[in-house]
């Protein structure tokens, strides 16, 4: 692509800035009047150059131009001046985050809800994969004949549980003893390490002569043996209905299906966990059909002993990147500093 001149950059920045506010195609007269000390004819010629470069698009011949995905990408990478959150904004966001936790809100849901409320977009939080979290305690609760619930308490703010069928009708006392056996084995390790510890214990002579201990260890493997990729929290998806882009019923349905199925969003979020800073994925870059015309902004956060997740927002490509990028980064920082 031809290198942009300073004038090209000025016009592209002005088109994006106006389109973000208005949601409408932007004409040369508007740019000349509001943003640039250039004649409408000059602006029109520069916009024509940008269109030939694939950075602007004209929806129809009588309309102005709108940025393409490539135009938004160049704007975010090279032209955007991110506005840092003021101290007052940071204090307000932190206070709202902490007040929700005092009221008993789940920390992951609270972060997603807060992002959605402040950005007016869809808030997303990916919890760390379960096998990376630190095991604090395991509890076994009798639910009925040959049924029990295994409760896993970790260094994360989410309590995990599984209902399993047992090979015998254990009493409450039996289950409490089995839980003690499990806690002796796995307390203080990650869930990923737990499997190796249980398997090593099951080979020991002590377990061969202690049937209850052996059954406890088998229950632990059965309940949490499957790899867990981390829970995805999607908050306030209906906020997208307030955006003019989603008056198109087909586009709205495609995105809602993607959000409901979660697998593709999960894959995109997991791919950003190892990246530092804030990541911006624009439109077709995601290669997800339901996210055409949308942007995903995410940031990694850390939780507990080396575990990490991702937090972010989804909204139309026409979003206020100047404000949303530092917002996502700040909420990720709040999650990282939270004591799990």
Protein backbone atom coordinates (compact mmCIF):
# COMPACT_ATOMS: atom_id res chain seq x y z
CA UNK A 1 0.00 0.00 0.00
CA UNK A 2 1.21 3.52 -0.82
CA UNK A 3 2.63 5.35 2.20
CA UNK A 4 0.24 7.88 3.68
CA UNK A 5 1.11 11.54 3.49
CA UNK A 6 0.39 13.82 6.42
CA UNK A 7 -2.72 15.04 4.60
CA UNK A 8 -3.94 11.46 4.09
CA UNK A 9 -3.49 10.82 7.79
CA UNK A 10 -5.36 13.99 8.76
CA UNK A 11 -8.33 13.09 6.57
CA UNK A 12 -8.47 9.45 7.66
CA UNK A 13 -8.32 10.45 11.33
CA UNK A 14 -11.12 12.98 10.77
CA UNK A 15 -13.31 10.43 8.94
CA UNK A 16 -12.95 7.91 11.76
CA UNK A 17 -13.54 10.49 14.49
CA UNK A 18 -16.71 11.79 12.83
CA UNK A 19 -18.04 8.32 11.95
CA UNK A 20 -17.55 7.11 15.54
CA UNK A 21 -19.81 9.91 16.78
CA UNK A 22 -22.40 10.02 13.99
CA UNK A 23 -22.50 6.38 12.77
CA UNK A 24 -23.14 7.87 9.30
CA UNK A 25 -21.01 8.05 6.13
CA UNK A 26 -18.85 11.19 6.25
CA UNK A 27 -18.83 13.74 3.43
CA UNK A 28 -16.05 16.09 2.33
CA UNK A 29 -18.07 19.19 3.21
CA UNK A 30 -18.51 17.97 6.78
CA UNK A 31 -14.79 17.33 7.19
CA UNK A 32 -13.89 20.69 5.67
CA UNK A 33 -16.30 22.53 7.94
CA UNK A 34 -15.65 20.71 11.24
CA UNK A 35 -12.11 19.36 11.21
CA UNK A 36 -9.80 20.48 8.44
CA UNK A 37 -8.48 23.73 7.06
CA UNK A 38 -8.94 22.40 3.54
CA UNK A 39 -11.49 23.01 0.79
CA UNK A 40 -14.21 20.38 0.22
CA UNK A 41 -12.71 19.67 -3.24
CA UNK A 42 -9.27 18.96 -1.75
CA UNK A 43 -10.78 16.76 0.95
CA UNK A 44 -12.81 14.90 -1.70
CA UNK A 45 -9.65 14.15 -3.70
CA UNK A 46 -7.82 12.86 -0.61
CA UNK A 47 -10.81 10.69 0.33
CA UNK A 48 -10.69 9.24 -3.18
CA UNK A 49 -7.03 8.32 -2.63
CA UNK A 50 -7.89 6.65 0.68
CA UNK A 51 -10.68 4.70 -0.97
CA UNK A 52 -8.32 3.41 -3.66
CA UNK A 53 -5.94 2.35 -0.87
CA UNK A 54 -8.70 0.27 0.69
CA UNK A 55 -8.94 2.44 3.82
CA UNK A 56 -12.33 4.03 3.09
CA UNK A 57 -15.49 2.69 1.51
CA UNK A 58 -18.40 4.49 -0.16
CA UNK A 59 -21.67 2.64 0.64
CA UNK A 60 -23.36 4.15 -2.42
CA UNK A 61 -22.48 6.81 -4.97
CA UNK A 62 -24.35 9.68 -3.32
CA UNK A 63 -23.00 8.93 0.17
CA UNK A 64 -19.88 9.96 1.98
CA UNK A 65 -17.27 7.46 3.10
CA UNK A 66 -16.90 5.12 6.05
CA UNK A 67 -13.68 3.47 7.28
CA UNK A 68 -12.99 -0.12 6.23
CA UNK A 69 -11.52 -2.69 8.64
CA UNK A 70 -8.11 -1.80 7.20
CA UNK A 71 -8.83 1.86 7.78
CA UNK A 72 -9.75 1.25 11.41
CA UNK A 73 -6.63 -0.90 11.84
CA UNK A 74 -4.32 1.80 10.54
CA UNK A 75 -6.12 4.36 12.70
CA UNK A 76 -5.71 2.24 15.87
CA UNK A 77 -2.09 1.30 15.16
CA UNK A 78 -0.69 4.60 13.85
CA UNK A 79 -3.05 7.55 14.27
CA UNK A 80 -4.85 7.03 17.56
CA UNK A 81 -3.84 9.02 20.61
CA UNK A 82 -5.21 7.01 23.52
CA UNK A 83 -6.71 9.15 26.27
CA UNK A 84 -5.58 8.01 29.71
CA UNK A 85 -8.35 7.66 32.26
CA UNK A 86 -8.39 10.55 34.70
CA UNK A 87 -7.82 9.90 38.39
CA UNK A 88 -11.47 10.68 39.00
CA UNK A 89 -12.56 8.08 36.42
CA UNK A 90 -10.22 5.45 37.88
CA UNK A 91 -11.45 6.13 41.41
CA UNK A 92 -15.09 5.85 40.33
CA UNK A 93 -14.56 2.59 38.43
CA UNK A 94 -12.57 1.06 41.28
CA UNK A 95 -15.23 2.09 43.82
CA UNK A 96 -18.01 0.53 41.73
CA UNK A 97 -15.98 -2.66 41.29
CA UNK A 98 -15.31 -2.99 45.01
CA UNK A 99 -18.84 -2.07 46.09
CA UNK A 100 -20.24 -4.86 43.95
CA UNK A 101 -17.93 -7.37 45.63
CA UNK A 102 -19.03 -6.14 49.07
CA UNK A 103 -22.58 -6.94 48.00
CA UNK A 104 -21.54 -10.52 47.24
CA UNK A 105 -21.16 -10.30 43.45
CA UNK A 106 -18.91 -12.84 41.72
CA UNK A 107 -15.68 -10.99 40.86
CA UNK A 108 -15.68 -12.19 37.25
CA UNK A 109 -19.28 -11.21 36.63
CA UNK A 110 -18.70 -7.91 38.41
CA UNK A 111 -15.79 -7.04 36.12
CA UNK A 112 -17.78 -7.92 33.00
CA UNK A 113 -20.83 -6.00 34.17
CA UNK A 114 -18.73 -2.95 35.03
CA UNK A 115 -17.02 -2.96 31.62
CA UNK A 116 -20.40 -3.18 29.92
CA UNK A 117 -21.93 -0.40 32.00
CA UNK A 118 -19.06 2.05 31.45
CA UNK A 119 -18.49 1.28 27.75
CA UNK A 120 -22.13 0.57 26.77
CA UNK A 121 -20.81 -2.52 24.97
CA UNK A 122 -20.81 -6.26 25.75
CA UNK A 123 -18.51 -7.14 28.67
CA UNK A 124 -16.47 -10.37 28.51
CA UNK A 125 -14.40 -12.15 31.15
CA UNK A 126 -12.57 -15.44 30.62
CA UNK A 127 -11.69 -17.15 33.90
CA UNK A 128 -8.31 -18.90 34.10
CA UNK A 129 -8.35 -22.56 32.99
CA UNK A 130 -9.28 -24.73 35.94
CA UNK A 131 -6.11 -26.81 35.78
CA UNK A 132 -4.01 -23.68 36.46
CA UNK A 133 -5.77 -22.66 39.68
CA UNK A 134 -4.49 -23.43 43.17
CA UNK A 135 -6.49 -26.00 45.15
CA UNK A 136 -7.30 -24.85 48.69
CA UNK A 137 -9.86 -27.39 49.82
CA UNK A 138 -12.18 -30.14 48.63
CA UNK A 139 -15.52 -30.93 50.24
CA UNK A 140 -17.83 -33.91 49.64
CA UNK A 141 -21.57 -33.53 50.26
CA UNK A 142 -24.08 -36.40 50.23
CA UNK A 143 -27.02 -35.69 47.91
CA UNK A 144 -28.85 -38.97 48.21
CA UNK A 145 -28.40 -42.65 47.59
CA UNK A 146 -25.16 -43.14 45.64
CA UNK A 147 -24.95 -39.46 44.68
CA UNK A 148 -22.53 -36.85 45.99
CA UNK A 149 -21.36 -33.36 45.15
CA UNK A 150 -17.64 -32.65 45.05
CA UNK A 151 -16.92 -28.97 45.82
CA UNK A 152 -13.57 -27.55 44.78
CA UNK A 153 -12.47 -24.38 46.58
CA UNK A 154 -9.51 -22.67 44.91
CA UNK A 155 -7.62 -19.40 45.01
CA UNK A 156 -10.16 -18.09 42.46
CA UNK A 157 -13.41 -16.34 43.44
CA UNK A 158 -15.41 -19.07 41.69
CA UNK A 159 -16.41 -22.27 43.52
CA UNK A 160 -16.44 -25.30 41.22
CA UNK A 161 -18.61 -28.32 41.85
CA UNK A 162 -19.50 -31.60 40.20
CA UNK A 163 -22.28 -34.08 40.94
CA UNK A 164 -21.09 -37.70 40.68
CA UNK A 165 -22.56 -41.15 41.17
CA UNK A 166 -20.67 -43.20 43.76
CA UNK A 167 -20.00 -46.94 43.79
CA UNK A 168 -21.65 -47.28 47.23
CA UNK A 169 -24.12 -45.44 49.42
CA UNK A 170 -21.64 -43.51 51.57
CA UNK A 171 -22.66 -41.89 54.84
CA UNK A 172 -21.92 -38.27 55.70
CA UNK A 173 -19.08 -39.47 57.95
CA UNK A 174 -17.62 -41.57 55.11
CA UNK A 175 -17.64 -38.58 52.77
CA UNK A 176 -16.04 -36.30 55.35
CA UNK A 177 -13.25 -38.87 55.84
CA UNK A 178 -12.79 -39.18 52.08
CA UNK A 179 -12.56 -35.40 51.79
CA UNK A 180 -9.81 -35.39 54.42
CA UNK A 181 -7.89 -37.97 52.40
CA UNK A 182 -8.20 -35.83 49.27
CA UNK A 183 -7.13 -32.67 51.06
CA UNK A 184 -4.05 -34.40 52.52
CA UNK A 185 -3.07 -35.27 48.96
CA UNK A 186 -3.89 -32.17 46.90
CA UNK A 187 -4.15 -29.09 49.13
CA UNK A 188 -1.72 -26.41 47.97
CA UNK A 189 -1.15 -27.71 44.45
CA UNK A 190 -2.67 -26.68 41.14
CA UNK A 191 -5.47 -28.74 39.70
CA UNK A 192 -3.13 -29.81 36.92
CA UNK A 193 -0.65 -31.08 39.54
CA UNK A 194 -3.51 -32.73 41.45
CA UNK A 195 -3.94 -35.44 38.83
CA UNK A 196 -0.30 -36.54 39.10
CA UNK A 197 -0.44 -36.57 42.91
CA UNK A 198 -3.62 -38.65 42.98
CA UNK A 199 -2.25 -41.14 40.49
CA UNK A 200 0.97 -41.48 42.48
CA UNK A 201 -1.02 -42.00 45.69
CA UNK A 202 -3.19 -44.67 44.08
CA UNK A 203 -0.05 -46.73 43.37
CA UNK A 204 1.15 -46.62 46.97
CA UNK A 205 0.96 -49.60 49.32
CA UNK A 206 -1.02 -47.54 51.83
CA UNK A 207 -3.90 -47.07 49.40
CA UNK A 208 -3.98 -50.77 48.54
CA UNK A 209 -4.99 -51.52 52.13
CA UNK A 210 -7.34 -48.56 52.59
CA UNK A 211 -10.42 -49.01 50.43
CA UNK A 212 -12.04 -45.70 51.45
CA UNK A 213 -8.90 -43.74 50.58
CA UNK A 214 -8.72 -45.41 47.16
CA UNK A 215 -12.37 -44.59 46.46
CA UNK A 216 -11.79 -40.97 47.50
CA UNK A 217 -8.92 -40.61 45.07
CA UNK A 218 -10.94 -42.16 42.25
CA UNK A 219 -13.77 -39.70 42.96
CA UNK A 220 -11.34 -36.80 42.70
CA UNK A 221 -10.13 -37.94 39.31
CA UNK A 222 -13.66 -38.60 38.07
CA UNK A 223 -14.96 -35.20 39.11
CA UNK A 224 -12.14 -32.99 37.84
CA UNK A 225 -10.21 -35.17 35.42
CA UNK A 226 -11.47 -33.49 32.24
CA UNK A 227 -9.46 -30.47 31.08
CA UNK A 228 -11.29 -27.21 31.69
CA UNK A 229 -10.53 -24.29 29.33
CA UNK A 230 -11.94 -21.62 31.64
CA UNK A 231 -15.44 -20.26 32.09
CA UNK A 232 -16.60 -17.41 29.83
CA UNK A 233 -18.84 -14.70 31.26
CA UNK A 234 -20.81 -12.63 28.73
CA UNK A 235 -22.44 -9.60 30.33
CA UNK A 236 -25.16 -7.32 28.96
CA UNK A 237 -25.30 -8.60 25.37
CA UNK A 238 -28.57 -6.73 24.82
CA UNK A 239 -26.68 -3.42 24.95
CA UNK A 240 -25.81 -4.05 21.30
CA UNK A 241 -29.44 -3.43 20.44
CA UNK A 242 -28.82 0.23 21.27
CA UNK A 243 -26.23 0.51 18.49
CA UNK A 244 -27.52 1.56 15.03
CA UNK A 245 -25.35 -1.07 13.31
CA UNK A 246 -27.52 -3.79 14.81
CA UNK A 247 -30.80 -2.51 13.43
CA UNK A 248 -29.89 -5.00 10.69
CA UNK A 249 -31.68 -8.11 11.99
CA UNK A 250 -29.41 -10.52 10.11
CA UNK A 251 -26.24 -9.01 11.57
CA UNK A 252 -27.75 -8.93 15.06
CA UNK A 253 -28.81 -12.59 14.93
CA UNK A 254 -25.40 -13.71 13.66
CA UNK A 255 -23.58 -11.97 16.50
CA UNK A 256 -26.01 -13.20 19.16
CA UNK A 257 -25.54 -16.77 17.93
CA UNK A 258 -21.78 -16.35 18.22
CA UNK A 259 -22.12 -15.00 21.76
CA UNK A 260 -24.48 -17.79 22.80
CA UNK A 261 -22.37 -20.61 21.36
CA UNK A 262 -19.25 -19.12 23.00
CA UNK A 263 -16.71 -21.53 21.49
CA UNK A 264 -15.37 -19.08 18.89
CA UNK A 265 -15.23 -16.21 21.40
CA UNK A 266 -13.46 -18.52 23.85
CA UNK A 267 -10.83 -19.32 21.22
CA UNK A 268 -10.24 -15.63 20.47
CA UNK A 269 -9.88 -14.76 24.16
CA UNK A 270 -7.58 -17.69 24.90
CA UNK A 271 -5.34 -16.60 22.02
CA UNK A 272 -4.75 -13.23 23.74
CA UNK A 273 -3.87 -14.57 27.22
CA UNK A 274 -0.15 -14.73 26.47
CA UNK A 275 -0.05 -11.22 24.98
CA UNK A 276 0.97 -8.19 26.99
CA UNK A 277 -1.06 -5.00 26.92
CA UNK A 278 -4.40 -4.41 25.24
CA UNK A 279 -5.27 -6.33 22.05
CA UNK A 280 -7.62 -4.98 19.37
CA UNK A 281 -9.17 -7.38 16.85
CA UNK A 282 -11.14 -5.56 14.15
CA UNK A 283 -13.91 -7.00 12.00
CA UNK A 284 -12.71 -9.62 9.52
CA UNK A 285 -9.43 -10.07 11.43
CA UNK A 286 -11.27 -12.41 13.80
CA UNK A 287 -12.24 -14.76 10.92
CA UNK A 288 -15.56 -15.29 12.74
CA UNK A 289 -18.58 -14.70 10.47
CA UNK A 290 -20.79 -13.46 13.31
CA UNK A 291 -18.28 -10.73 14.20
CA UNK A 292 -18.22 -8.96 10.86
CA UNK A 293 -18.51 -5.24 11.60
CA UNK A 294 -17.47 -5.78 15.23
CA UNK A 295 -14.32 -5.18 17.24
CA UNK A 296 -13.05 -7.26 20.16
CA UNK A 297 -10.79 -5.43 22.64
CA UNK A 298 -9.14 -7.59 25.31
CA UNK A 299 -6.44 -7.54 27.95
CA UNK A 300 -4.76 -10.27 29.98
CA UNK A 301 -5.07 -10.35 33.75
CA UNK A 302 -3.33 -12.54 36.30
CA UNK A 303 -5.00 -14.36 39.17
CA UNK A 304 -3.50 -16.46 41.91
CA UNK A 305 -0.29 -18.42 41.43
CA UNK A 306 0.58 -17.89 37.78
CA UNK A 307 -2.96 -18.36 36.48
CA UNK A 308 -4.21 -15.92 33.86
CA UNK A 309 -7.44 -15.01 32.11
CA UNK A 310 -8.71 -12.38 29.71
CA UNK A 311 -11.15 -9.48 29.99
CA UNK A 312 -12.63 -7.32 27.27
CA UNK A 313 -15.54 -5.94 25.28
CA UNK A 314 -17.28 -6.58 21.96
CA UNK A 315 -18.97 -3.80 20.06
CA UNK A 316 -19.28 -2.26 16.60
CA UNK A 317 -16.07 -1.34 14.80
CA UNK A 318 -17.39 2.21 15.13
CA UNK A 319 -16.45 2.52 18.79
CA UNK A 320 -14.56 5.13 20.78
CA UNK A 321 -11.15 3.41 20.79
CA UNK A 322 -9.59 6.41 22.50
CA UNK A 323 -11.69 5.72 25.61
CA UNK A 324 -12.35 1.96 25.45
CA UNK A 325 -8.72 0.79 25.13
CA UNK A 326 -7.58 2.35 28.44
CA UNK A 327 -10.84 1.26 30.11
CA UNK A 328 -10.22 -2.43 29.27
CA UNK A 329 -6.62 -2.13 30.43
CA UNK A 330 -7.66 -0.59 33.73
CA UNK A 331 -10.31 -3.24 34.52
CA UNK A 332 -7.73 -5.94 33.72
CA UNK A 333 -5.43 -4.24 36.21
CA UNK A 334 -8.19 -4.25 38.86
CA UNK A 335 -8.67 -7.99 38.36
CA UNK A 336 -4.92 -8.61 38.57
CA UNK A 337 -4.65 -6.66 41.83
CA UNK A 338 -7.68 -8.34 43.40
CA UNK A 339 -6.83 -10.73 46.25
CA UNK A 340 -8.24 -14.09 45.28
